[in-house]
PDB file of N, CA and C in Angstrom:
ATOM      1  N   MET A   1     -36.128 -54.461-129.314  1.00  0.00           N
ATOM      2  CA  MET A   1     -36.059 -55.751-128.647  1.00  0.00           C
ATOM      3  C   MET A   1     -35.277 -56.734-129.517  1.00  0.00           C
ATOM      4  N   ARG A   2     -34.491 -57.560-128.866  1.00  0.00           N
ATOM      5  CA  ARG A   2     -33.766 -58.630-129.541  1.00  0.00           C
ATOM      6  C   ARG A   2     -34.374 -59.958-129.153  1.00  0.00           C
ATOM      7  N   THR A   3     -34.452 -60.869-130.123  1.00  0.00           N
ATOM      8  CA  THR A   3     -34.960 -62.206-129.854  1.00  0.00           C
ATOM      9  C   THR A   3     -33.787 -63.136-129.652  1.00  0.00           C
ATOM     10  N   LEU A   4     -33.886 -63.936-128.615  1.00  0.00           N
ATOM     11  CA  LEU A   4     -32.818 -64.831-128.213  1.00  0.00           C
ATOM     12  C   LEU A   4     -33.433 -66.191-127.927  1.00  0.00           C
ATOM     13  N   PHE A   5     -32.809 -67.245-128.418  1.00  0.00           N
ATOM     14  CA  PHE A   5     -33.218 -68.602-128.090  1.00  0.00           C
ATOM     15  C   PHE A   5     -32.106 -69.236-127.272  1.00  0.00           C
ATOM     16  N   VAL A   6     -32.473 -69.867-126.172  1.00  0.00           N
ATOM     17  CA  VAL A   6     -31.486 -70.540-125.336  1.00  0.00           C
ATOM     18  C   VAL A   6     -31.901 -72.001-125.204  1.00  0.00           C
ATOM     19  N   GLN A   7     -31.036 -72.890-125.685  1.00  0.00           N
ATOM     20  CA  GLN A   7     -31.253 -74.317-125.490  1.00  0.00           C
ATOM     21  C   GLN A   7     -30.641 -74.680-124.145  1.00  0.00           C
ATOM     22  N   VAL A   8     -31.371 -75.471-123.372  1.00  0.00           N
ATOM     23  CA  VAL A   8     -30.954 -75.788-122.000  1.00  0.00           C
ATOM     24  C   VAL A   8     -30.902 -77.296-121.804  1.00  0.00           C
ATOM     25  N   LYS A   9     -29.774 -77.765-121.312  1.00  0.00           N
ATOM     26  CA  LYS A   9     -29.636 -79.160-120.893  1.00  0.00           C
ATOM     27  C   LYS A   9     -29.840 -79.176-119.382  1.00  0.00           C
ATOM     28  N   CYS A  10     -30.737 -80.046-118.916  1.00  0.00           N
ATOM     29  CA  CYS A  10     -31.094 -80.089-117.500  1.00  0.00           C
ATOM     30  C   CYS A  10     -30.543 -81.339-116.808  1.00  0.00           C
ATOM     31  N   ASP A  11     -30.456 -81.266-115.484  1.00  0.00           N
ATOM     32  CA  ASP A  11     -30.179 -82.463-114.701  1.00  0.00           C
ATOM     33  C   ASP A  11     -31.298 -83.458-114.963  1.00  0.00           C
ATOM     34  N   LEU A  12     -30.986 -84.747-114.856  1.00  0.00           N
ATOM     35  CA  LEU A  12     -31.991 -85.779-115.091  1.00  0.00           C
ATOM     36  C   LEU A  12     -33.221 -85.568-114.210  1.00  0.00           C
ATOM     37  N   GLY A  13     -34.386 -85.594-114.827  1.00  0.00           N
ATOM     38  CA  GLY A  13     -35.644 -85.464-114.106  1.00  0.00           C
ATOM     39  C   GLY A  13     -36.026 -84.046-113.712  1.00  0.00           C
ATOM     40  N   GLU A  14     -35.277 -83.043-114.145  1.00  0.00           N
ATOM     41  CA  GLU A  14     -35.521 -81.666-113.701  1.00  0.00           C
ATOM     42  C   GLU A  14     -36.079 -80.737-114.775  1.00  0.00           C
ATOM     43  N   ALA A  15     -36.298 -81.219-115.981  1.00  0.00           N
ATOM     44  CA  ALA A  15     -36.699 -80.336-117.082  1.00  0.00           C
ATOM     45  C   ALA A  15     -38.004 -79.589-116.800  1.00  0.00           C
ATOM     46  N   TYR A  16     -38.997 -80.274-116.289  1.00  0.00           N
ATOM     47  CA  TYR A  16     -40.290 -79.617-116.050  1.00  0.00           C
ATOM     48  C   TYR A  16     -40.196 -78.591-114.925  1.00  0.00           C
ATOM     49  N   THR A  17     -39.436 -78.902-113.896  1.00  0.00           N
ATOM     50  CA  THR A  17     -39.236 -77.959-112.792  1.00  0.00           C
ATOM     51  C   THR A  17     -38.478 -76.731-113.278  1.00  0.00           C
ATOM     52  N   THR A  18     -37.443 -76.956-114.069  1.00  0.00           N
ATOM     53  CA  THR A  18     -36.644 -75.848-114.604  1.00  0.00           C
ATOM     54  C   THR A  18     -37.486 -74.972-115.519  1.00  0.00           C
ATOM     55  N   ALA A  19     -38.288 -75.580-116.368  1.00  0.00           N
ATOM     56  CA  ALA A  19     -39.157 -74.825-117.278  1.00  0.00           C
ATOM     57  C   ALA A  19     -40.147 -73.964-116.493  1.00  0.00           C
ATOM     58  N   ALA A  20     -40.776 -74.538-115.501  1.00  0.00           N
ATOM     59  CA  ALA A  20     -41.744 -73.781-114.696  1.00  0.00           C
ATOM     60  C   ALA A  20     -41.077 -72.609-113.990  1.00  0.00           C
ATOM     61  N   GLU A  21     -39.905 -72.836-113.444  1.00  0.00           N
ATOM     62  CA  GLU A  21     -39.172 -71.772-112.748  1.00  0.00           C
ATOM     63  C   GLU A  21     -38.801 -70.649-113.712  1.00  0.00           C
ATOM     64  N   ALA A  22     -38.377 -71.001-114.926  1.00  0.00           N
ATOM     65  CA  ALA A  22     -38.015 -69.984-115.915  1.00  0.00           C
ATOM     66  C   ALA A  22     -39.205 -69.112-116.278  1.00  0.00           C
ATOM     67  N   VAL A  23     -40.345 -69.740-116.528  1.00  0.00           N
ATOM     68  CA  VAL A  23     -41.549 -68.986-116.906  1.00  0.00           C
ATOM     69  C   VAL A  23     -42.010 -68.091-115.760  1.00  0.00           C
ATOM     70  N   GLU A  24     -41.923 -68.582-114.542  1.00  0.00           N
ATOM     71  CA  GLU A  24     -42.419 -67.839-113.384  1.00  0.00           C
ATOM     72  C   GLU A  24     -41.468 -66.743-112.919  1.00  0.00           C
ATOM     73  N   SER A  25     -40.158 -66.946-113.042  1.00  0.00           N
ATOM     74  CA  SER A  25     -39.243 -66.027-112.363  1.00  0.00           C
ATOM     75  C   SER A  25     -38.302 -65.218-113.249  1.00  0.00           C
ATOM     76  N   VAL A  26     -38.169 -65.559-114.522  1.00  0.00           N
ATOM     77  CA  VAL A  26     -37.237 -64.819-115.382  1.00  0.00           C
ATOM     78  C   VAL A  26     -38.044 -63.893-116.287  1.00  0.00           C
ATOM     79  N   GLU A  27     -37.888 -62.607-116.063  1.00  0.00           N
ATOM     80  CA  GLU A  27     -38.733 -61.587-116.690  1.00  0.00           C
ATOM     81  C   GLU A  27     -38.764 -61.659-118.215  1.00  0.00           C
ATOM     82  N   HIS A  28     -37.656 -61.861-118.868  1.00  0.00           N
ATOM     83  CA  HIS A  28     -37.606 -61.765-120.325  1.00  0.00           C
ATOM     84  C   HIS A  28     -37.838 -63.085-121.052  1.00  0.00           C
ATOM     85  N   VAL A  29     -38.137 -64.148-120.315  1.00  0.00           N
ATOM     86  CA  VAL A  29     -38.459 -65.433-120.946  1.00  0.00           C
ATOM     87  C   VAL A  29     -39.915 -65.382-121.393  1.00  0.00           C
ATOM     88  N   SER A  30     -40.128 -65.570-122.693  1.00  0.00           N
ATOM     89  CA  SER A  30     -41.468 -65.503-123.263  1.00  0.00           C
ATOM     90  C   SER A  30     -42.144 -66.873-123.307  1.00  0.00           C
ATOM     91  N   GLU A  31     -41.402 -67.878-123.789  1.00  0.00           N
ATOM     92  CA  GLU A  31     -41.947 -69.225-123.954  1.00  0.00           C
ATOM     93  C   GLU A  31     -40.853 -70.241-123.656  1.00  0.00           C
ATOM     94  N   VAL A  32     -41.278 -71.404-123.174  1.00  0.00           N
ATOM     95  CA  VAL A  32     -40.342 -72.509-122.950  1.00  0.00           C
ATOM     96  C   VAL A  32     -40.968 -73.771-123.525  1.00  0.00           C
ATOM     97  N   TYR A  33     -40.191 -74.471-124.350  1.00  0.00           N
ATOM     98  CA  TYR A  33     -40.648 -75.704-124.989  1.00  0.00           C
ATOM     99  C   TYR A  33     -39.773 -76.861-124.531  1.00  0.00           C
ATOM    100  N   SER A  34     -40.382 -78.027-124.313  1.00  0.00           N
ATOM    101  CA  SER A  34     -39.580 -79.233-124.123  1.00  0.00           C
ATOM    102  C   SER A  34     -39.212 -79.727-125.517  1.00  0.00           C
ATOM    103  N   THR A  35     -37.992 -80.229-125.668  1.00  0.00           N
ATOM    104  CA  THR A  35     -37.502 -80.644-126.976  1.00  0.00           C
ATOM    105  C   THR A  35     -36.817 -82.000-126.880  1.00  0.00           C
ATOM    106  N   SER A  36     -36.693 -82.650-128.023  1.00  0.00           N
ATOM    107  CA  SER A  36     -35.923 -83.888-128.090  1.00  0.00           C
ATOM    108  C   SER A  36     -34.517 -83.539-128.566  1.00  0.00           C
ATOM    109  N   GLY A  37     -33.604 -84.472-128.401  1.00  0.00           N
ATOM    110  CA  GLY A  37     -32.246 -84.241-128.872  1.00  0.00           C
ATOM    111  C   GLY A  37     -31.276 -83.960-127.743  1.00  0.00           C
ATOM    112  N   GLN A  38     -30.230 -83.233-128.066  1.00  0.00           N
ATOM    113  CA  GLN A  38     -29.142 -82.987-127.122  1.00  0.00           C
ATOM    114  C   GLN A  38     -29.565 -82.102-125.950  1.00  0.00           C
ATOM    115  N   TYR A  39     -30.507 -81.198-126.169  1.00  0.00           N
ATOM    116  CA  TYR A  39     -30.970 -80.285-125.123  1.00  0.00           C
ATOM    117  C   TYR A  39     -32.406 -80.616-124.750  1.00  0.00           C
ATOM    118  N   ASP A  40     -32.790 -80.291-123.530  1.00  0.00           N
ATOM    119  CA  ASP A  40     -34.112 -80.638-123.005  1.00  0.00           C
ATOM    120  C   ASP A  40     -35.151 -79.552-123.208  1.00  0.00           C
ATOM    121  N   LEU A  41     -34.707 -78.287-123.174  1.00  0.00           N
ATOM    122  CA  LEU A  41     -35.624 -77.157-123.252  1.00  0.00           C
ATOM    123  C   LEU A  41     -35.143 -76.145-124.278  1.00  0.00           C
ATOM    124  N   LEU A  42     -36.101 -75.425-124.863  1.00  0.00           N
ATOM    125  CA  LEU A  42     -35.808 -74.293-125.728  1.00  0.00           C
ATOM    126  C   LEU A  42     -36.555 -73.093-125.164  1.00  0.00           C
ATOM    127  N   MET A  43     -35.799 -72.070-124.765  1.00  0.00           N
ATOM    128  CA  MET A  43     -36.396 -70.870-124.187  1.00  0.00           C
ATOM    129  C   MET A  43     -36.328 -69.739-125.193  1.00  0.00           C
ATOM    130  N   LYS A  44     -37.468 -69.100-125.416  1.00  0.00           N
ATOM    131  CA  LYS A  44     -37.525 -67.931-126.289  1.00  0.00           C
ATOM    132  C   LYS A  44     -37.572 -66.699-125.396  1.00  0.00           C
ATOM    133  N   CYS A  45     -36.640 -65.787-125.643  1.00  0.00           N
ATOM    134  CA  CYS A  45     -36.517 -64.602-124.795  1.00  0.00           C
ATOM    135  C   CYS A  45     -36.525 -63.346-125.661  1.00  0.00           C
ATOM    136  N   TYR A  46     -37.101 -62.278-125.128  1.00  0.00           N
ATOM    137  CA  TYR A  46     -37.068 -60.973-125.771  1.00  0.00           C
ATOM    138  C   TYR A  46     -36.316 -60.032-124.840  1.00  0.00           C
ATOM    139  N   LEU A  47     -35.165 -59.544-125.311  1.00  0.00           N
ATOM    140  CA  LEU A  47     -34.325 -58.684-124.476  1.00  0.00           C
ATOM    141  C   LEU A  47     -34.323 -57.256-125.003  1.00  0.00           C
ATOM    142  N   PRO A  48     -34.373 -56.276-124.107  1.00  0.00           N
ATOM    143  CA  PRO A  48     -34.199 -54.891-124.536  1.00  0.00           C
ATOM    144  C   PRO A  48     -32.785 -54.715-125.114  1.00  0.00           C
ATOM    145  N   GLU A  49     -32.630 -53.770-126.019  1.00  0.00           N
ATOM    146  CA  GLU A  49     -31.342 -53.546-126.684  1.00  0.00           C
ATOM    147  C   GLU A  49     -30.214 -53.258-125.697  1.00  0.00           C
ATOM    148  N   ASP A  50     -30.519 -52.631-124.577  1.00  0.00           N
ATOM    149  CA  ASP A  50     -29.462 -52.234-123.636  1.00  0.00           C
ATOM    150  C   ASP A  50     -29.084 -53.342-122.644  1.00  0.00           C
ATOM    151  N   LEU A  51     -29.732 -54.485-122.712  1.00  0.00           N
ATOM    152  CA  LEU A  51     -29.423 -55.585-121.795  1.00  0.00           C
ATOM    153  C   LEU A  51     -28.360 -56.489-122.423  1.00  0.00           C
ATOM    154  N   ASP A  52     -27.289 -56.743-121.687  1.00  0.00           N
ATOM    155  CA  ASP A  52     -26.191 -57.576-122.157  1.00  0.00           C
ATOM    156  C   ASP A  52     -26.627 -59.039-122.235  1.00  0.00           C
ATOM    157  N   VAL A  53     -26.505 -59.640-123.409  1.00  0.00           N
ATOM    158  CA  VAL A  53     -26.957 -61.019-123.637  1.00  0.00           C
ATOM    159  C   VAL A  53     -26.196 -61.996-122.748  1.00  0.00           C
ATOM    160  N   GLY A  54     -24.878 -61.881-122.724  1.00  0.00           N
ATOM    161  CA  GLY A  54     -24.064 -62.788-121.917  1.00  0.00           C
ATOM    162  C   GLY A  54     -24.398 -62.708-120.443  1.00  0.00           C
ATOM    163  N   ARG A  55     -24.574 -61.509-119.954  1.00  0.00           N
ATOM    164  CA  ARG A  55     -24.918 -61.318-118.538  1.00  0.00           C
ATOM    165  C   ARG A  55     -26.294 -61.901-118.240  1.00  0.00           C
ATOM    166  N   PHE A  56     -27.254 -61.699-119.158  1.00  0.00           N
ATOM    167  CA  PHE A  56     -28.598 -62.243-118.961  1.00  0.00           C
ATOM    168  C   PHE A  56     -28.556 -63.769-118.860  1.00  0.00           C
ATOM    169  N   VAL A  57     -27.860 -64.404-119.799  1.00  0.00           N
ATOM    170  CA  VAL A  57     -27.805 -65.868-119.808  1.00  0.00           C
ATOM    171  C   VAL A  57     -27.104 -66.393-118.564  1.00  0.00           C
ATOM    172  N   THR A  58     -25.946 -65.830-118.219  1.00  0.00           N
ATOM    173  CA  THR A  58     -25.204 -66.348-117.067  1.00  0.00           C
ATOM    174  C   THR A  58     -25.869 -66.022-115.737  1.00  0.00           C
ATOM    175  N   ASP A  59     -26.484 -64.861-115.631  1.00  0.00           N
ATOM    176  CA  ASP A  59     -27.091 -64.454-114.350  1.00  0.00           C
ATOM    177  C   ASP A  59     -28.499 -64.993-114.137  1.00  0.00           C
ATOM    178  N   HIS A  60     -29.240 -65.232-115.219  1.00  0.00           N
ATOM    179  CA  HIS A  60     -30.650 -65.596-115.051  1.00  0.00           C
ATOM    180  C   HIS A  60     -30.985 -67.010-115.533  1.00  0.00           C
ATOM    181  N   ILE A  61     -30.446 -67.424-116.662  1.00  0.00           N
ATOM    182  CA  ILE A  61     -30.777 -68.746-117.194  1.00  0.00           C
ATOM    183  C   ILE A  61     -29.895 -69.822-116.562  1.00  0.00           C
ATOM    184  N   GLN A  62     -28.590 -69.624-116.581  1.00  0.00           N
ATOM    185  CA  GLN A  62     -27.680 -70.651-116.074  1.00  0.00           C
ATOM    186  C   GLN A  62     -27.792 -70.869-114.568  1.00  0.00           C
ATOM    187  N   LYS A  63     -28.353 -69.915-113.848  1.00  0.00           N
ATOM    188  CA  LYS A  63     -28.506 -70.064-112.398  1.00  0.00           C
ATOM    189  C   LYS A  63     -29.848 -70.672-111.990  1.00  0.00           C
ATOM    190  N   LEU A  64     -30.695 -70.987-112.970  1.00  0.00           N
ATOM    191  CA  LEU A  64     -31.948 -71.661-112.638  1.00  0.00           C
ATOM    192  C   LEU A  64     -31.644 -73.051-112.083  1.00  0.00           C
ATOM    193  N   PRO A  65     -32.431 -73.518-111.124  1.00  0.00           N
ATOM    194  CA  PRO A  65     -32.195 -74.863-110.592  1.00  0.00           C
ATOM    195  C   PRO A  65     -32.368 -75.919-111.681  1.00  0.00           C
ATOM    196  N   GLY A  66     -31.427 -76.852-111.732  1.00  0.00           N
ATOM    197  CA  GLY A  66     -31.509 -77.954-112.677  1.00  0.00           C
ATOM    198  C   GLY A  66     -30.802 -77.729-113.999  1.00  0.00           C
ATOM    199  N   VAL A  67     -30.260 -76.531-114.246  1.00  0.00           N
ATOM    200  CA  VAL A  67     -29.581 -76.253-115.505  1.00  0.00           C
ATOM    201  C   VAL A  67     -28.154 -76.803-115.464  1.00  0.00           C
ATOM    202  N   ARG A  68     -27.798 -77.605-116.471  1.00  0.00           N
ATOM    203  CA  ARG A  68     -26.449 -78.169-116.583  1.00  0.00           C
ATOM    204  C   ARG A  68     -25.619 -77.471-117.646  1.00  0.00           C
ATOM    205  N   ASP A  69     -26.269 -77.065-118.751  1.00  0.00           N
ATOM    206  CA  ASP A  69     -25.545 -76.491-119.878  1.00  0.00           C
ATOM    207  C   ASP A  69     -26.511 -75.658-120.704  1.00  0.00           C
ATOM    208  N   THR A  70     -25.984 -74.664-121.418  1.00  0.00           N
ATOM    209  CA  THR A  70     -26.816 -73.851-122.304  1.00  0.00           C
ATOM    210  C   THR A  70     -26.118 -73.648-123.644  1.00  0.00           C
ATOM    211  N   PHE A  71     -26.919 -73.362-124.657  1.00  0.00           N
ATOM    212  CA  PHE A  71     -26.437 -73.014-125.985  1.00  0.00           C
ATOM    213  C   PHE A  71     -27.315 -71.871-126.470  1.00  0.00           C
ATOM    214  N   THR A  72     -26.717 -70.717-126.741  1.00  0.00           N
ATOM    215  CA  THR A  72     -27.467 -69.502-127.039  1.00  0.00           C
ATOM    216  C   THR A  72     -27.446 -69.188-128.533  1.00  0.00           C
ATOM    217  N   ILE A  73     -28.611 -68.833-129.067  1.00  0.00           N
ATOM    218  CA  ILE A  73     -28.761 -68.466-130.472  1.00  0.00           C
ATOM    219  C   ILE A  73     -29.391 -67.077-130.540  1.00  0.00           C
ATOM    220  N   LEU A  74     -28.736 -66.161-131.246  1.00  0.00           N
ATOM    221  CA  LEU A  74     -29.297 -64.838-131.473  1.00  0.00           C
ATOM    222  C   LEU A  74     -30.071 -64.859-132.788  1.00  0.00           C
ATOM    223  N   ALA A  75     -31.289 -64.375-132.762  1.00  0.00           N
ATOM    224  CA  ALA A  75     -32.108 -64.313-133.983  1.00  0.00           C
ATOM    225  C   ALA A  75     -32.023 -62.906-134.547  1.00  0.00           C
ATOM    226  N   PHE A  76     -32.010 -62.804-135.879  1.00  0.00           N
ATOM    227  CA  PHE A  76     -31.880 -61.505-136.524  1.00  0.00           C
ATOM    228  C   PHE A  76     -33.189 -60.990-137.095  1.00  0.00           C
ATOM    229  N   LYS A  77     -33.937 -61.825-137.794  1.00  0.00           N
ATOM    230  CA  LYS A  77     -35.167 -61.366-138.441  1.00  0.00           C
ATOM    231  C   LYS A  77     -36.190 -62.490-138.439  1.00  0.00           C
ATOM    232  N   ALA A  78     -37.423 -62.133-138.117  1.00  0.00           N
ATOM    233  CA  ALA A  78     -38.530 -63.086-138.196  1.00  0.00           C
ATOM    234  C   ALA A  78     -39.230 -62.910-139.537  1.00  0.00           C
ATOM    235  N   PHE A  79     -39.586 -64.016-140.155  1.00  0.00           N
ATOM    236  CA  PHE A  79     -40.270 -63.943-141.456  1.00  0.00           C
ATOM    237  C   PHE A  79     -41.691 -64.436-141.314  1.00  0.00           C
TER     238      PHE A  79
END
């Protein structure tokens, strides 16, 4: 499994709706946090090794209602 963090910028007033939809409908999303700063949400995802990261983000995260922009971070090792 690979760990992936996706920062999400949402349409105004849509962060909570987008977060709920991600948790309910996107299989590999583990946790979603509201955050301060440039992005509204931080999504923690666990992807199988054979799943394409770019395809996952564009097909599942970026198509969620209320998503305006994303920034993806690949994690290598947890300490």
